[in-house]
Amino acid sequence: VWHYGEVPDLASSLLLLVPEKKLALIVLADTDGLSAPFDDALS
C-alpha cells in the first residue's frame, strides 16, 4: 500500500508500506524527480 506526491517543479514524495512484512519505505525530494519521470506508472 502506498502513495506518491508531486508538486510540479517543486517537490515529490513516496510512502510505501508492506503491512504483512512490517516494512515501510519513505523517500522525499526537493524536486519533482521522485514522481514526474515515472508518473505514467504511478498515476
PDB file of all heavy atoms in Angstrom:
ATOM      1  N   VAL A   1       0.870  -1.171   0.000  1.00  0.00           N
ATOM      2  CA  VAL A   1       0.000   0.000   0.000  1.00  0.00           C
ATOM      3  C   VAL A   1       0.906   1.219   0.000  1.00  0.00           C
ATOM      4  O   VAL A   1       1.936   1.240   0.679  1.00  0.00           O
ATOM      5  CB  VAL A   1      -0.957   0.004   1.204  1.00  0.00           C
ATOM      6  CG1 VAL A   1      -1.918  -1.163   1.108  1.00  0.00           C
ATOM      7  CG2 VAL A   1      -0.224  -0.053   2.525  1.00  0.00           C
ATOM      8  N   TRP A   2       0.521   2.229  -0.757  1.00  0.00           N
ATOM      9  CA  TRP A   2       1.466   3.306  -0.972  1.00  0.00           C
ATOM     10  C   TRP A   2       0.757   4.563  -1.477  1.00  0.00           C
ATOM     11  O   TRP A   2      -0.402   4.516  -1.869  1.00  0.00           O
ATOM     12  CB  TRP A   2       2.537   2.879  -1.991  1.00  0.00           C
ATOM     13  CG  TRP A   2       1.972   2.416  -3.317  1.00  0.00           C
ATOM     14  CD1 TRP A   2       1.471   1.174  -3.605  1.00  0.00           C
ATOM     15  CD2 TRP A   2       1.842   3.189  -4.514  1.00  0.00           C
ATOM     16  NE1 TRP A   2       1.037   1.133  -4.912  1.00  0.00           N
ATOM     17  CE2 TRP A   2       1.251   2.352  -5.492  1.00  0.00           C
ATOM     18  CE3 TRP A   2       2.168   4.494  -4.860  1.00  0.00           C
ATOM     19  CZ2 TRP A   2       0.979   2.782  -6.793  1.00  0.00           C
ATOM     20  CZ3 TRP A   2       1.903   4.930  -6.154  1.00  0.00           C
ATOM     21  CH2 TRP A   2       1.323   4.068  -7.094  1.00  0.00           C
ATOM     22  N   HIS A   3       1.478   5.640  -1.456  1.00  0.00           N
ATOM     23  CA  HIS A   3       1.019   6.868  -2.103  1.00  0.00           C
ATOM     24  C   HIS A   3       2.238   7.673  -2.513  1.00  0.00           C
ATOM     25  O   HIS A   3       3.269   7.630  -1.854  1.00  0.00           O
ATOM     26  CB  HIS A   3       0.133   7.704  -1.184  1.00  0.00           C
ATOM     27  CG  HIS A   3      -1.000   8.369  -1.915  1.00  0.00           C
ATOM     28  ND1 HIS A   3      -0.805   9.351  -2.863  1.00  0.00           N
ATOM     29  CD2 HIS A   3      -2.335   8.149  -1.865  1.00  0.00           C
ATOM     30  CE1 HIS A   3      -1.979   9.724  -3.357  1.00  0.00           C
ATOM     31  NE2 HIS A   3      -2.926   9.000  -2.777  1.00  0.00           N
ATOM     32  N   TYR A   4       2.091   8.352  -3.610  1.00  0.00           N
ATOM     33  CA  TYR A   4       3.163   9.244  -4.042  1.00  0.00           C
ATOM     34  C   TYR A   4       2.626  10.670  -4.066  1.00  0.00           C
ATOM     35  O   TYR A   4       1.413  10.906  -4.054  1.00  0.00           O
ATOM     36  CB  TYR A   4       3.703   8.841  -5.415  1.00  0.00           C
ATOM     37  CG  TYR A   4       2.835   9.214  -6.598  1.00  0.00           C
ATOM     38  CD1 TYR A   4       3.201  10.242  -7.456  1.00  0.00           C
ATOM     39  CD2 TYR A   4       1.658   8.516  -6.892  1.00  0.00           C
ATOM     40  CE1 TYR A   4       2.427  10.580  -8.562  1.00  0.00           C
ATOM     41  CE2 TYR A   4       0.872   8.837  -7.987  1.00  0.00           C
ATOM     42  CZ  TYR A   4       1.255   9.873  -8.824  1.00  0.00           C
ATOM     43  OH  TYR A   4       0.482  10.203  -9.900  1.00  0.00           O
ATOM     44  N   GLY A   5       3.537  11.624  -4.061  1.00  0.00           N
ATOM     45  CA  GLY A   5       3.164  13.021  -4.133  1.00  0.00           C
ATOM     46  C   GLY A   5       4.032  13.760  -5.135  1.00  0.00           C
ATOM     47  O   GLY A   5       5.186  13.385  -5.357  1.00  0.00           O
ATOM     48  N   GLU A   6       3.466  14.799  -5.722  1.00  0.00           N
ATOM     49  CA  GLU A   6       4.226  15.584  -6.700  1.00  0.00           C
ATOM     50  C   GLU A   6       3.688  17.001  -6.758  1.00  0.00           C
ATOM     51  O   GLU A   6       2.493  17.203  -6.966  1.00  0.00           O
ATOM     52  CB  GLU A   6       4.140  14.951  -8.085  1.00  0.00           C
ATOM     53  CG  GLU A   6       4.852  15.733  -9.165  1.00  0.00           C
ATOM     54  CD  GLU A   6       4.642  15.137 -10.556  1.00  0.00           C
ATOM     55  OE1 GLU A   6       4.162  13.992 -10.662  1.00  0.00           O
ATOM     56  OE2 GLU A   6       4.954  15.836 -11.540  1.00  0.00           O
ATOM     57  N   VAL A   7       4.560  17.958  -6.516  1.00  0.00           N
ATOM     58  CA  VAL A   7       4.270  19.362  -6.801  1.00  0.00           C
ATOM     59  C   VAL A   7       5.168  19.713  -7.973  1.00  0.00           C
ATOM     60  O   VAL A   7       6.391  19.794  -7.816  1.00  0.00           O
ATOM     61  CB  VAL A   7       4.583  20.278  -5.601  1.00  0.00           C
ATOM     62  CG1 VAL A   7       4.160  21.708  -5.915  1.00  0.00           C
ATOM     63  CG2 VAL A   7       3.873  19.783  -4.347  1.00  0.00           C
ATOM     64  N   PRO A   8       4.616  19.855  -9.179  1.00  0.00           N
ATOM     65  CA  PRO A   8       5.455  20.078 -10.352  1.00  0.00           C
ATOM     66  C   PRO A   8       6.503  21.163 -10.132  1.00  0.00           C
ATOM     67  O   PRO A   8       6.196  22.254  -9.643  1.00  0.00           O
ATOM     68  CB  PRO A   8       4.438  20.480 -11.429  1.00  0.00           C
ATOM     69  CG  PRO A   8       3.175  19.783 -11.016  1.00  0.00           C
ATOM     70  CD  PRO A   8       3.184  19.839  -9.521  1.00  0.00           C
ATOM     71  N   ASP A   9       7.743  20.813 -10.444  1.00  0.00           N
ATOM     72  CA  ASP A   9       8.891  21.726 -10.360  1.00  0.00           C
ATOM     73  C   ASP A   9       9.283  22.097  -8.936  1.00  0.00           C
ATOM     74  O   ASP A   9      10.144  22.959  -8.744  1.00  0.00           O
ATOM     75  CB  ASP A   9       8.633  23.020 -11.143  1.00  0.00           C
ATOM     76  CG  ASP A   9       8.517  22.786 -12.636  1.00  0.00           C
ATOM     77  OD1 ASP A   9       9.113  21.806 -13.124  1.00  0.00           O
ATOM     78  OD2 ASP A   9       7.827  23.572 -13.306  1.00  0.00           O
ATOM     79  N   LEU A  10       8.700  21.447  -7.911  1.00  0.00           N
ATOM     80  CA  LEU A  10       8.972  21.865  -6.540  1.00  0.00           C
ATOM     81  C   LEU A  10       9.354  20.730  -5.595  1.00  0.00           C
ATOM     82  O   LEU A  10      10.278  20.882  -4.793  1.00  0.00           O
ATOM     83  CB  LEU A  10       7.752  22.595  -5.950  1.00  0.00           C
ATOM     84  CG  LEU A  10       7.375  23.933  -6.573  1.00  0.00           C
ATOM     85  CD1 LEU A  10       6.063  24.429  -5.956  1.00  0.00           C
ATOM     86  CD2 LEU A  10       8.471  24.953  -6.362  1.00  0.00           C
ATOM     87  N   ALA A  11       8.655  19.625  -5.639  1.00  0.00           N
ATOM     88  CA  ALA A  11       8.885  18.576  -4.635  1.00  0.00           C
ATOM     89  C   ALA A  11       8.190  17.291  -5.044  1.00  0.00           C
ATOM     90  O   ALA A  11       7.309  17.283  -5.914  1.00  0.00           O
ATOM     91  CB  ALA A  11       8.357  19.026  -3.266  1.00  0.00           C
ATOM     92  N   SER A  12       8.589  16.190  -4.402  1.00  0.00           N
ATOM     93  CA  SER A  12       7.948  14.899  -4.630  1.00  0.00           C
ATOM     94  C   SER A  12       8.201  13.992  -3.436  1.00  0.00           C
ATOM     95  O   SER A  12       9.116  14.236  -2.638  1.00  0.00           O
ATOM     96  CB  SER A  12       8.452  14.250  -5.928  1.00  0.00           C
ATOM     97  OG  SER A  12       9.861  14.269  -6.002  1.00  0.00           O
ATOM     98  N   SER A  13       7.392  12.946  -3.325  1.00  0.00           N
ATOM     99  CA  SER A  13       7.463  12.084  -2.155  1.00  0.00           C
ATOM    100  C   SER A  13       6.919  10.702  -2.479  1.00  0.00           C
ATOM    101  O   SER A  13       6.150  10.523  -3.421  1.00  0.00           O
ATOM    102  CB  SER A  13       6.649  12.695  -1.003  1.00  0.00           C
ATOM    103  OG  SER A  13       5.303  12.917  -1.412  1.00  0.00           O
ATOM    104  N   LEU A  14       7.333   9.730  -1.653  1.00  0.00           N
ATOM    105  CA  LEU A  14       6.831   8.365  -1.779  1.00  0.00           C
ATOM    106  C   LEU A  14       6.788   7.734  -0.393  1.00  0.00           C
ATOM    107  O   LEU A  14       7.781   7.757   0.340  1.00  0.00           O
ATOM    108  CB  LEU A  14       7.735   7.526  -2.696  1.00  0.00           C
ATOM    109  CG  LEU A  14       7.360   6.039  -2.844  1.00  0.00           C
ATOM    110  CD1 LEU A  14       6.013   5.884  -3.546  1.00  0.00           C
ATOM    111  CD2 LEU A  14       8.444   5.290  -3.623  1.00  0.00           C
ATOM    112  N   LEU A  15       5.622   7.202  -0.033  1.00  0.00           N
ATOM    113  CA  LEU A  15       5.445   6.444   1.203  1.00  0.00           C
ATOM    114  C   LEU A  15       4.879   5.093   0.817  1.00  0.00           C
ATOM    115  O   LEU A  15       3.799   5.015   0.222  1.00  0.00           O
ATOM    116  CB  LEU A  15       4.492   7.171   2.156  1.00  0.00           C
ATOM    117  CG  LEU A  15       4.090   6.425   3.432  1.00  0.00           C
ATOM    118  CD1 LEU A  15       5.301   6.088   4.285  1.00  0.00           C
ATOM    119  CD2 LEU A  15       3.076   7.249   4.229  1.00  0.00           C
ATOM    120  N   LEU A  16       5.604   4.023   1.129  1.00  0.00           N
ATOM    121  CA  LEU A  16       5.231   2.673   0.714  1.00  0.00           C
ATOM    122  C   LEU A  16       5.273   1.745   1.927  1.00  0.00           C
ATOM    123  O   LEU A  16       6.277   1.703   2.637  1.00  0.00           O
ATOM    124  CB  LEU A  16       6.175   2.189  -0.389  1.00  0.00           C
ATOM    125  CG  LEU A  16       5.869   0.876  -1.094  1.00  0.00           C
ATOM    126  CD1 LEU A  16       6.517   0.857  -2.478  1.00  0.00           C
ATOM    127  CD2 LEU A  16       6.374  -0.329  -0.300  1.00  0.00           C
ATOM    128  N   LEU A  17       4.183   1.013   2.147  1.00  0.00           N
ATOM    129  CA  LEU A  17       4.110   0.063   3.253  1.00  0.00           C
ATOM    130  C   LEU A  17       3.935  -1.351   2.727  1.00  0.00           C
ATOM    131  O   LEU A  17       3.263  -1.573   1.718  1.00  0.00           O
ATOM    132  CB  LEU A  17       2.917   0.376   4.172  1.00  0.00           C
ATOM    133  CG  LEU A  17       2.700   1.811   4.648  1.00  0.00           C
ATOM    134  CD1 LEU A  17       1.476   1.863   5.561  1.00  0.00           C
ATOM    135  CD2 LEU A  17       3.912   2.351   5.360  1.00  0.00           C
ATOM    136  N   VAL A  18       4.548  -2.299   3.412  1.00  0.00           N
ATOM    137  CA  VAL A  18       4.314  -3.729   3.168  1.00  0.00           C
ATOM    138  C   VAL A  18       3.800  -4.284   4.497  1.00  0.00           C
ATOM    139  O   VAL A  18       4.579  -4.771   5.320  1.00  0.00           O
ATOM    140  CB  VAL A  18       5.598  -4.455   2.731  1.00  0.00           C
ATOM    141  CG1 VAL A  18       5.284  -5.885   2.294  1.00  0.00           C
ATOM    142  CG2 VAL A  18       6.291  -3.704   1.593  1.00  0.00           C
ATOM    143  N   PRO A  19       2.490  -4.196   4.736  1.00  0.00           N
ATOM    144  CA  PRO A  19       1.956  -4.499   6.074  1.00  0.00           C
ATOM    145  C   PRO A  19       2.313  -5.881   6.605  1.00  0.00           C
ATOM    146  O   PRO A  19       2.683  -6.023   7.777  1.00  0.00           O
ATOM    147  CB  PRO A  19       0.438  -4.341   5.882  1.00  0.00           C
ATOM    148  CG  PRO A  19       0.306  -3.364   4.754  1.00  0.00           C
ATOM    149  CD  PRO A  19       1.442  -3.700   3.831  1.00  0.00           C
ATOM    150  N   GLU A  20       2.225  -6.909   5.762  1.00  0.00           N
ATOM    151  CA  GLU A  20       2.472  -8.260   6.275  1.00  0.00           C
ATOM    152  C   GLU A  20       3.936  -8.491   6.633  1.00  0.00           C
ATOM    153  O   GLU A  20       4.258  -9.388   7.413  1.00  0.00           O
ATOM    154  CB  GLU A  20       1.998  -9.306   5.278  1.00  0.00           C
ATOM    155  CG  GLU A  20       2.797  -9.380   3.992  1.00  0.00           C
ATOM    156  CD  GLU A  20       2.222 -10.413   3.028  1.00  0.00           C
ATOM    157  OE1 GLU A  20       1.182 -10.123   2.392  1.00  0.00           O
ATOM    158  OE2 GLU A  20       2.809 -11.501   2.937  1.00  0.00           O
ATOM    159  N   LYS A  21       4.820  -7.682   6.087  1.00  0.00           N
ATOM    160  CA  LYS A  21       6.250  -7.779   6.420  1.00  0.00           C
ATOM    161  C   LYS A  21       6.676  -6.738   7.451  1.00  0.00           C
ATOM    162  O   LYS A  21       7.848  -6.702   7.834  1.00  0.00           O
ATOM    163  CB  LYS A  21       7.097  -7.601   5.150  1.00  0.00           C
ATOM    164  CG  LYS A  21       6.769  -8.566   4.016  1.00  0.00           C
ATOM    165  CD  LYS A  21       7.136  -9.993   4.365  1.00  0.00           C
ATOM    166  CE  LYS A  21       6.905 -10.908   3.157  1.00  0.00           C
ATOM    167  NZ  LYS A  21       7.224 -12.320   3.471  1.00  0.00           N
ATOM    168  N   LYS A  22       5.742  -5.876   7.863  1.00  0.00           N
ATOM    169  CA  LYS A  22       6.031  -4.798   8.813  1.00  0.00           C
ATOM    170  C   LYS A  22       7.175  -3.916   8.314  1.00  0.00           C
ATOM    171  O   LYS A  22       8.096  -3.555   9.049  1.00  0.00           O
ATOM    172  CB  LYS A  22       6.347  -5.359  10.197  1.00  0.00           C
ATOM    173  CG  LYS A  22       5.193  -6.147  10.810  1.00  0.00           C
ATOM    174  CD  LYS A  22       5.540  -6.666  12.194  1.00  0.00           C
ATOM    175  CE  LYS A  22       4.382  -7.444  12.790  1.00  0.00           C
ATOM    176  NZ  LYS A  22       4.698  -7.988  14.139  1.00  0.00           N
ATOM    177  N   LEU A  23       7.081  -3.560   7.043  1.00  0.00           N
ATOM    178  CA  LEU A  23       8.106  -2.748   6.392  1.00  0.00           C
ATOM    179  C   LEU A  23       7.496  -1.466   5.841  1.00  0.00           C
ATOM    180  O   LEU A  23       6.328  -1.430   5.456  1.00  0.00           O
ATOM    181  CB  LEU A  23       8.746  -3.519   5.245  1.00  0.00           C
ATOM    182  CG  LEU A  23       9.728  -4.639   5.580  1.00  0.00           C
ATOM    183  CD1 LEU A  23       9.948  -5.534   4.368  1.00  0.00           C
ATOM    184  CD2 LEU A  23      11.057  -4.052   6.056  1.00  0.00           C
ATOM    185  N   ALA A  24       8.301  -0.426   5.773  1.00  0.00           N
ATOM    186  CA  ALA A  24       7.885   0.818   5.145  1.00  0.00           C
ATOM    187  C   ALA A  24       9.084   1.511   4.535  1.00  0.00           C
ATOM    188  O   ALA A  24      10.199   1.439   5.065  1.00  0.00           O
ATOM    189  CB  ALA A  24       7.206   1.745   6.157  1.00  0.00           C
ATOM    190  N   LEU A  25       8.853   2.182   3.415  1.00  0.00           N
ATOM    191  CA  LEU A  25       9.866   2.998   2.744  1.00  0.00           C
ATOM    192  C   LEU A  25       9.363   4.425   2.680  1.00  0.00           C
ATOM    193  O   LEU A  25       8.196   4.668   2.361  1.00  0.00           O
ATOM    194  CB  LEU A  25      10.120   2.488   1.329  1.00  0.00           C
ATOM    195  CG  LEU A  25      10.957   3.404   0.417  1.00  0.00           C
ATOM    196  CD1 LEU A  25      12.415   3.422   0.867  1.00  0.00           C
ATOM    197  CD2 LEU A  25      10.844   2.975  -1.046  1.00  0.00           C
ATOM    198  N   ILE A  26      10.249   5.371   2.964  1.00  0.00           N
ATOM    199  CA  ILE A  26       9.942   6.796   2.840  1.00  0.00           C
ATOM    200  C   ILE A  26      11.042   7.427   1.997  1.00  0.00           C
ATOM    201  O   ILE A  26      12.233   7.233   2.276  1.00  0.00           O
ATOM    202  CB  ILE A  26       9.906   7.486   4.213  1.00  0.00           C
ATOM    203  CG1 ILE A  26       8.893   6.810   5.137  1.00  0.00           C
ATOM    204  CG2 ILE A  26       9.587   8.966   4.068  1.00  0.00           C
ATOM    205  CD1 ILE A  26       9.338   6.729   6.564  1.00  0.00           C
ATOM    206  N   VAL A  27      10.665   8.162   0.959  1.00  0.00           N
ATOM    207  CA  VAL A  27      11.628   8.916   0.157  1.00  0.00           C
ATOM    208  C   VAL A  27      11.038  10.295  -0.122  1.00  0.00           C
ATOM    209  O   VAL A  27       9.873  10.405  -0.530  1.00  0.00           O
ATOM    210  CB  VAL A  27      11.977   8.227  -1.178  1.00  0.00           C
ATOM    211  CG1 VAL A  27      13.203   8.894  -1.803  1.00  0.00           C
ATOM    212  CG2 VAL A  27      12.215   6.736  -1.012  1.00  0.00           C
ATOM    213  N   LEU A  28      11.830  11.337   0.096  1.00  0.00           N
ATOM    214  CA  LEU A  28      11.392  12.718  -0.097  1.00  0.00           C
ATOM    215  C   LEU A  28      12.428  13.460  -0.928  1.00  0.00           C
ATOM    216  O   LEU A  28      13.627  13.191  -0.816  1.00  0.00           O
ATOM    217  CB  LEU A  28      11.221  13.417   1.255  1.00  0.00           C
ATOM    218  CG  LEU A  28      10.343  12.701   2.299  1.00  0.00           C
ATOM    219  CD1 LEU A  28      10.406  13.440   3.633  1.00  0.00           C
ATOM    220  CD2 LEU A  28       8.911  12.586   1.809  1.00  0.00           C
ATOM    221  N   ALA A  29      11.977  14.413  -1.752  1.00  0.00           N
ATOM    222  CA  ALA A  29      12.902  15.152  -2.611  1.00  0.00           C
ATOM    223  C   ALA A  29      12.458  16.596  -2.766  1.00  0.00           C
ATOM    224  O   ALA A  29      11.276  16.922  -2.620  1.00  0.00           O
ATOM    225  CB  ALA A  29      12.999  14.488  -3.985  1.00  0.00           C
ATOM    226  N   ASP A  30      13.429  17.468  -3.100  1.00  0.00           N
ATOM    227  CA  ASP A  30      13.136  18.890  -3.285  1.00  0.00           C
ATOM    228  C   ASP A  30      12.924  19.269  -4.748  1.00  0.00           C
ATOM    229  O   ASP A  30      12.912  20.444  -5.108  1.00  0.00           O
ATOM    230  CB  ASP A  30      14.247  19.747  -2.673  1.00  0.00           C
ATOM    231  CG  ASP A  30      15.584  19.559  -3.375  1.00  0.00           C
ATOM    232  OD1 ASP A  30      15.713  18.616  -4.185  1.00  0.00           O
ATOM    233  OD2 ASP A  30      16.517  20.341  -3.098  1.00  0.00           O
ATOM    234  N   THR A  31      12.772  18.283  -5.614  1.00  0.00           N
ATOM    235  CA  THR A  31      12.325  18.478  -6.989  1.00  0.00           C
ATOM    236  C   THR A  31      11.179  17.500  -7.225  1.00  0.00           C
ATOM    237  O   THR A  31      10.849  16.700  -6.345  1.00  0.00           O
ATOM    238  CB  THR A  31      13.438  18.179  -8.017  1.00  0.00           C
ATOM    239  OG1 THR A  31      13.680  16.752  -8.035  1.00  0.00           O
ATOM    240  CG2 THR A  31      14.734  18.895  -7.680  1.00  0.00           C
ATOM    241  N   ASP A  32      10.607  17.516  -8.422  1.00  0.00           N
ATOM    242  CA  ASP A  32       9.544  16.547  -8.721  1.00  0.00           C
ATOM    243  C   ASP A  32      10.106  15.228  -9.268  1.00  0.00           C
ATOM    244  O   ASP A  32       9.373  14.379  -9.761  1.00  0.00           O
ATOM    245  CB  ASP A  32       8.526  17.128  -9.699  1.00  0.00           C
ATOM    246  CG  ASP A  32       9.122  17.533 -11.049  1.00  0.00           C
ATOM    247  OD1 ASP A  32      10.287  17.174 -11.325  1.00  0.00           O
ATOM    248  OD2 ASP A  32       8.432  18.222 -11.822  1.00  0.00           O
ATOM    249  N   GLY A  33      11.427  15.034  -9.114  1.00  0.00           N
ATOM    250  CA  GLY A  33      12.093  13.893  -9.735  1.00  0.00           C
ATOM    251  C   GLY A  33      11.722  12.522  -9.203  1.00  0.00           C
ATOM    252  O   GLY A  33      11.932  11.524  -9.888  1.00  0.00           O
ATOM    253  N   LEU A  34      11.200  12.432  -7.965  1.00  0.00           N
ATOM    254  CA  LEU A  34      10.763  11.127  -7.464  1.00  0.00           C
ATOM    255  C   LEU A  34       9.551  10.613  -8.211  1.00  0.00           C
ATOM    256  O   LEU A  34       9.303   9.405  -8.249  1.00  0.00           O
ATOM    257  CB  LEU A  34      10.374  11.227  -5.980  1.00  0.00           C
ATOM    258  CG  LEU A  34      11.450  11.290  -4.917  1.00  0.00           C
ATOM    259  CD1 LEU A  34      10.795  11.389  -3.552  1.00  0.00           C
ATOM    260  CD2 LEU A  34      12.338  10.074  -4.978  1.00  0.00           C
ATOM    261  N   SER A  35       8.766  11.543  -8.776  1.00  0.00           N
ATOM    262  CA  SER A  35       7.468  11.176  -9.339  1.00  0.00           C
ATOM    263  C   SER A  35       7.325  11.452 -10.824  1.00  0.00           C
ATOM    264  O   SER A  35       6.874  10.594 -11.577  1.00  0.00           O
ATOM    265  CB  SER A  35       6.357  11.920  -8.577  1.00  0.00           C
ATOM    266  OG  SER A  35       6.411  11.657  -7.198  1.00  0.00           O
ATOM    267  N   ALA A  36       7.686  12.659 -11.260  1.00  0.00           N
ATOM    268  CA  ALA A  36       7.406  13.069 -12.635  1.00  0.00           C
ATOM    269  C   ALA A  36       7.937  12.102 -13.694  1.00  0.00           C
ATOM    270  O   ALA A  36       7.222  11.779 -14.648  1.00  0.00           O
ATOM    271  CB  ALA A  36       7.943  14.474 -12.872  1.00  0.00           C
ATOM    272  N   PRO A  37       9.176  11.598 -13.580  1.00  0.00           N
ATOM    273  CA  PRO A  37       9.668  10.698 -14.628  1.00  0.00           C
ATOM    274  C   PRO A  37       8.908   9.366 -14.697  1.00  0.00           C
ATOM    275  O   PRO A  37       8.925   8.697 -15.731  1.00  0.00           O
ATOM    276  CB  PRO A  37      11.132  10.454 -14.218  1.00  0.00           C
ATOM    277  CG  PRO A  37      11.478  11.586 -13.323  1.00  0.00           C
ATOM    278  CD  PRO A  37      10.212  11.894 -12.591  1.00  0.00           C
ATOM    279  N   PHE A  38       8.227   9.015 -13.610  1.00  0.00           N
ATOM    280  CA  PHE A  38       7.595   7.701 -13.505  1.00  0.00           C
ATOM    281  C   PHE A  38       6.079   7.812 -13.363  1.00  0.00           C
ATOM    282  O   PHE A  38       5.407   6.876 -12.939  1.00  0.00           O
ATOM    283  CB  PHE A  38       8.187   6.960 -12.300  1.00  0.00           C
ATOM    284  CG  PHE A  38       9.677   7.157 -12.173  1.00  0.00           C
ATOM    285  CD1 PHE A  38      10.223   7.958 -11.184  1.00  0.00           C
ATOM    286  CD2 PHE A  38      10.546   6.587 -13.111  1.00  0.00           C
ATOM    287  CE1 PHE A  38      11.583   8.179 -11.100  1.00  0.00           C
ATOM    288  CE2 PHE A  38      11.914   6.804 -13.042  1.00  0.00           C
ATOM    289  CZ  PHE A  38      12.436   7.600 -12.031  1.00  0.00           C
ATOM    290  N   ASP A  39       5.549   8.988 -13.754  1.00  0.00           N
ATOM    291  CA  ASP A  39       4.142   9.283 -13.496  1.00  0.00           C
ATOM    292  C   ASP A  39       3.192   8.373 -14.262  1.00  0.00           C
ATOM    293  O   ASP A  39       2.094   8.085 -13.779  1.00  0.00           O
ATOM    294  CB  ASP A  39       3.842  10.746 -13.825  1.00  0.00           C
ATOM    295  CG  ASP A  39       2.484  11.177 -13.332  1.00  0.00           C
ATOM    296  OD1 ASP A  39       2.267  11.148 -12.108  1.00  0.00           O
ATOM    297  OD2 ASP A  39       1.618  11.505 -14.161  1.00  0.00           O
ATOM    298  N   ASP A  40       3.566   7.912 -15.452  1.00  0.00           N
ATOM    299  CA  ASP A  40       2.673   7.031 -16.207  1.00  0.00           C
ATOM    300  C   ASP A  40       2.326   5.791 -15.401  1.00  0.00           C
ATOM    301  O   ASP A  40       1.160   5.373 -15.351  1.00  0.00           O
ATOM    302  CB  ASP A  40       3.311   6.623 -17.541  1.00  0.00           C
ATOM    303  CG  ASP A  40       3.307   7.750 -18.558  1.00  0.00           C
ATOM    304  OD1 ASP A  40       2.627   8.765 -18.314  1.00  0.00           O
ATOM    305  OD2 ASP A  40       3.996   7.619 -19.589  1.00  0.00           O
ATOM    306  N   ALA A  41       3.316   5.203 -14.762  1.00  0.00           N
ATOM    307  CA  ALA A  41       3.074   4.011 -13.951  1.00  0.00           C
ATOM    308  C   ALA A  41       2.402   4.374 -12.635  1.00  0.00           C
ATOM    309  O   ALA A  41       1.406   3.753 -12.238  1.00  0.00           O
ATOM    310  CB  ALA A  41       4.383   3.278 -13.691  1.00  0.00           C
ATOM    311  N   LEU A  42       2.927   5.373 -11.945  1.00  0.00           N
ATOM    312  CA  LEU A  42       2.409   5.714 -10.619  1.00  0.00           C
ATOM    313  C   LEU A  42       0.951   6.151 -10.671  1.00  0.00           C
ATOM    314  O   LEU A  42       0.135   5.728  -9.842  1.00  0.00           O
ATOM    315  CB  LEU A  42       3.267   6.812  -9.991  1.00  0.00           C
ATOM    316  CG  LEU A  42       4.714   6.425  -9.664  1.00  0.00           C
ATOM    317  CD1 LEU A  42       5.505   7.661  -9.216  1.00  0.00           C
ATOM    318  CD2 LEU A  42       4.770   5.351  -8.587  1.00  0.00           C
ATOM    319  N   SER A  43       0.594   6.989 -11.614  1.00  0.00           N
ATOM    320  CA  SER A  43      -0.777   7.502 -11.678  1.00  0.00           C
ATOM    321  C   SER A  43      -1.787   6.415 -12.024  1.00  0.00           C
ATOM    322  O   SER A  43      -2.976   6.554 -11.719  1.00  0.00           O
ATOM    323  CB  SER A  43      -0.874   8.646 -12.696  1.00  0.00           C
ATOM    324  OG  SER A  43      -0.563   8.189 -13.998  1.00  0.00           O
TER     325      SER A  43
END
